[in-house]
C-alpha atoms as a PDB file:
ATOM      1  CA  MET A   1       0.015  -0.291   0.245  1.00  0.00           C
ATOM      2  CA  SER A   2       1.221   3.274  -1.166  1.00  0.00           C
ATOM      3  CA  GLY A   3       0.258   6.801  -0.353  1.00  0.00           C
ATOM      4  CA  THR A   4       1.006  10.543  -1.345  1.00  0.00           C
ATOM      5  CA  ASP A   5      -0.129  14.043  -1.354  1.00  0.00           C
ATOM      6  CA  LEU A   6       3.184  15.345  -3.429  1.00  0.00           C
ATOM      7  CA  ASP A   7       5.172  16.453  -0.202  1.00  0.00           C
ATOM      8  CA  VAL A   8       4.978  12.953   1.834  1.00  0.00           C
ATOM      9  CA  ALA A   9       4.718   9.531   0.490  1.00  0.00           C
ATOM     10  CA  VAL A  10       4.449   6.284   2.294  1.00  0.00           C
ATOM     11  CA  ARG A  11       4.888   3.102   1.530  1.00  0.00           C
ATOM     12  CA  ILE A  12       4.071  -0.532   3.340  1.00  0.00           C
ATOM     13  CA  LYS A  13       3.313  -3.767   3.195  1.00  0.00           C
ATOM     14  CA  VAL A  14       0.481  -4.968   4.853  1.00  0.00           C
ATOM     15  CA  PRO A  15      -1.126  -8.283   5.159  1.00  0.00           C
ATOM     16  CA  ALA A  16      -4.632  -8.492   2.884  1.00  0.00           C
ATOM     17  CA  ASP A  17      -6.985 -10.783   1.879  1.00  0.00           C
ATOM     18  CA  VAL A  18      -7.224  -9.190  -1.904  1.00  0.00           C
ATOM     19  CA  ARG A  19     -10.317  -9.805  -3.404  1.00  0.00           C
ATOM     20  CA  GLU A  20      -9.132  -7.470  -6.911  1.00  0.00           C
ATOM     21  CA  GLU A  21      -5.990  -6.186  -7.491  1.00  0.00           C
ATOM     22  CA  GLY A  22      -5.774  -2.707  -8.791  1.00  0.00           C
ATOM     23  CA  SER A  23      -3.346   0.751  -7.945  1.00  0.00           C
ATOM     24  CA  LEU A  24      -4.769   4.432  -7.361  1.00  0.00           C
ATOM     25  CA  THR A  25      -2.839   7.297  -5.897  1.00  0.00           C
ATOM     26  CA  ALA A  26      -4.365   8.071  -2.584  1.00  0.00           C
ATOM     27  CA  PRO A  27      -3.561  11.687  -0.883  1.00  0.00           C
ATOM     28  CA  GLY A  28      -0.949  10.520   1.979  1.00  0.00           C
ATOM     29  CA  LYS A  29      -1.394  13.016   4.509  1.00  0.00           C
ATOM     30  CA  LYS A  30      -5.306  12.383   4.559  1.00  0.00           C
ATOM     31  CA  LEU A  31      -4.782   8.819   5.221  1.00  0.00           C
ATOM     32  CA  GLN A  32      -2.610   8.946   7.794  1.00  0.00           C
ATOM     33  CA  GLU A  33      -4.549  11.420   9.854  1.00  0.00           C
ATOM     34  CA  ILE A  34      -7.384   8.804   9.668  1.00  0.00           C
ATOM     35  CA  THR A  35      -5.464   5.550  10.228  1.00  0.00           C
ATOM     36  CA  LYS A  36      -3.684   6.929  13.217  1.00  0.00           C
ATOM     37  CA  GLU A  37      -6.847   7.242  15.248  1.00  0.00           C
ATOM     38  CA  LEU A  38      -8.188   3.989  13.760  1.00  0.00           C
ATOM     39  CA  PRO A  39      -7.931   1.339  16.807  1.00  0.00           C
ATOM     40  CA  ASP A  40      -5.472  -1.760  16.281  1.00  0.00           C
ATOM     41  CA  GLN A  41      -7.344  -4.038  14.634  1.00  0.00           C
ATOM     42  CA  PRO A  42      -7.767  -5.420  11.099  1.00  0.00           C
ATOM     43  CA  ILE A  43     -10.200  -3.005   8.692  1.00  0.00           C
ATOM     44  CA  GLU A  44     -11.714  -3.375   5.363  1.00  0.00           C
ATOM     45  CA  VAL A  45     -10.680  -1.037   2.440  1.00  0.00           C
ATOM     46  CA  ALA A  46     -12.500  -1.343  -0.618  1.00  0.00           C
ATOM     47  CA  THR A  47     -12.388   0.881  -3.845  1.00  0.00           C
ATOM     48  CA  ILE A  48     -15.319   2.573  -5.306  1.00  0.00           C
ATOM     49  CA  GLY A  49     -14.522   4.088  -9.093  1.00  0.00           C
ATOM     50  CA  THR A  50     -11.762   6.332  -7.897  1.00  0.00           C
ATOM     51  CA  GLN A  51     -12.762   6.311  -3.886  1.00  0.00           C
ATOM     52  CA  ILE A  52     -10.727   4.601  -1.166  1.00  0.00           C
ATOM     53  CA  GLU A  53     -13.345   3.671   1.529  1.00  0.00           C
ATOM     54  CA  LEU A  54     -12.136   2.478   4.951  1.00  0.00           C
ATOM     55  CA  LYS A  55     -14.017   0.234   7.040  1.00  0.00           C
ATOM     56  CA  PRO A  56     -12.982  -0.586  10.382  1.00  0.00           C
ATOM     57  CA  PRO A  57     -15.985  -1.471  12.886  1.00  0.00           C
ATOM     58  CA  ASP A  58     -18.408   0.886  13.848  1.00  0.00           C
ATOM     59  CA  SER A  59     -17.560   3.504  11.219  1.00  0.00           C
ATOM     60  CA  SER A  60     -16.590   4.287   7.535  1.00  0.00           C
ATOM     61  CA  HIS A  61     -14.336   6.577   5.545  1.00  0.00           C
ATOM     62  CA  ILE A  62     -14.300   7.907   1.801  1.00  0.00           C
ATOM     63  CA  VAL A  63     -10.697   9.344   0.873  1.00  0.00           C
ATOM     64  CA  CYS A  64     -10.957  10.690  -3.098  1.00  0.00           C
ATOM     65  CA  SER A  65      -7.904   9.398  -5.040  1.00  0.00           C
ATOM     66  CA  PHE A  66      -6.663   9.414  -8.525  1.00  0.00           C
ATOM     67  CA  GLU A  67      -5.797   6.950 -11.394  1.00  0.00           C
ATOM     68  CA  ARG A  68      -2.162   5.496 -10.556  1.00  0.00           C
ATOM     69  CA  ARG A  69       0.534   7.122 -12.844  1.00  0.00           C
ATOM     70  CA  GLU A  70       3.703   5.526 -13.465  1.00  0.00           C
END
């Protein structure tokens, strides 16, 4: 998983049950702000077009993203 806001870039490997492979470019700062507040437990990450949905238990967060460019 990787993210960027053009000033900060993050790339990490996380264990995942991937149902469908794909790529998007996400705003790193926004992802960091959301994920630092999440409990230390598995969450579901889904995409809807170019939106990323983070679904921890009891809440949901939508992050706008862009198609990945090489």
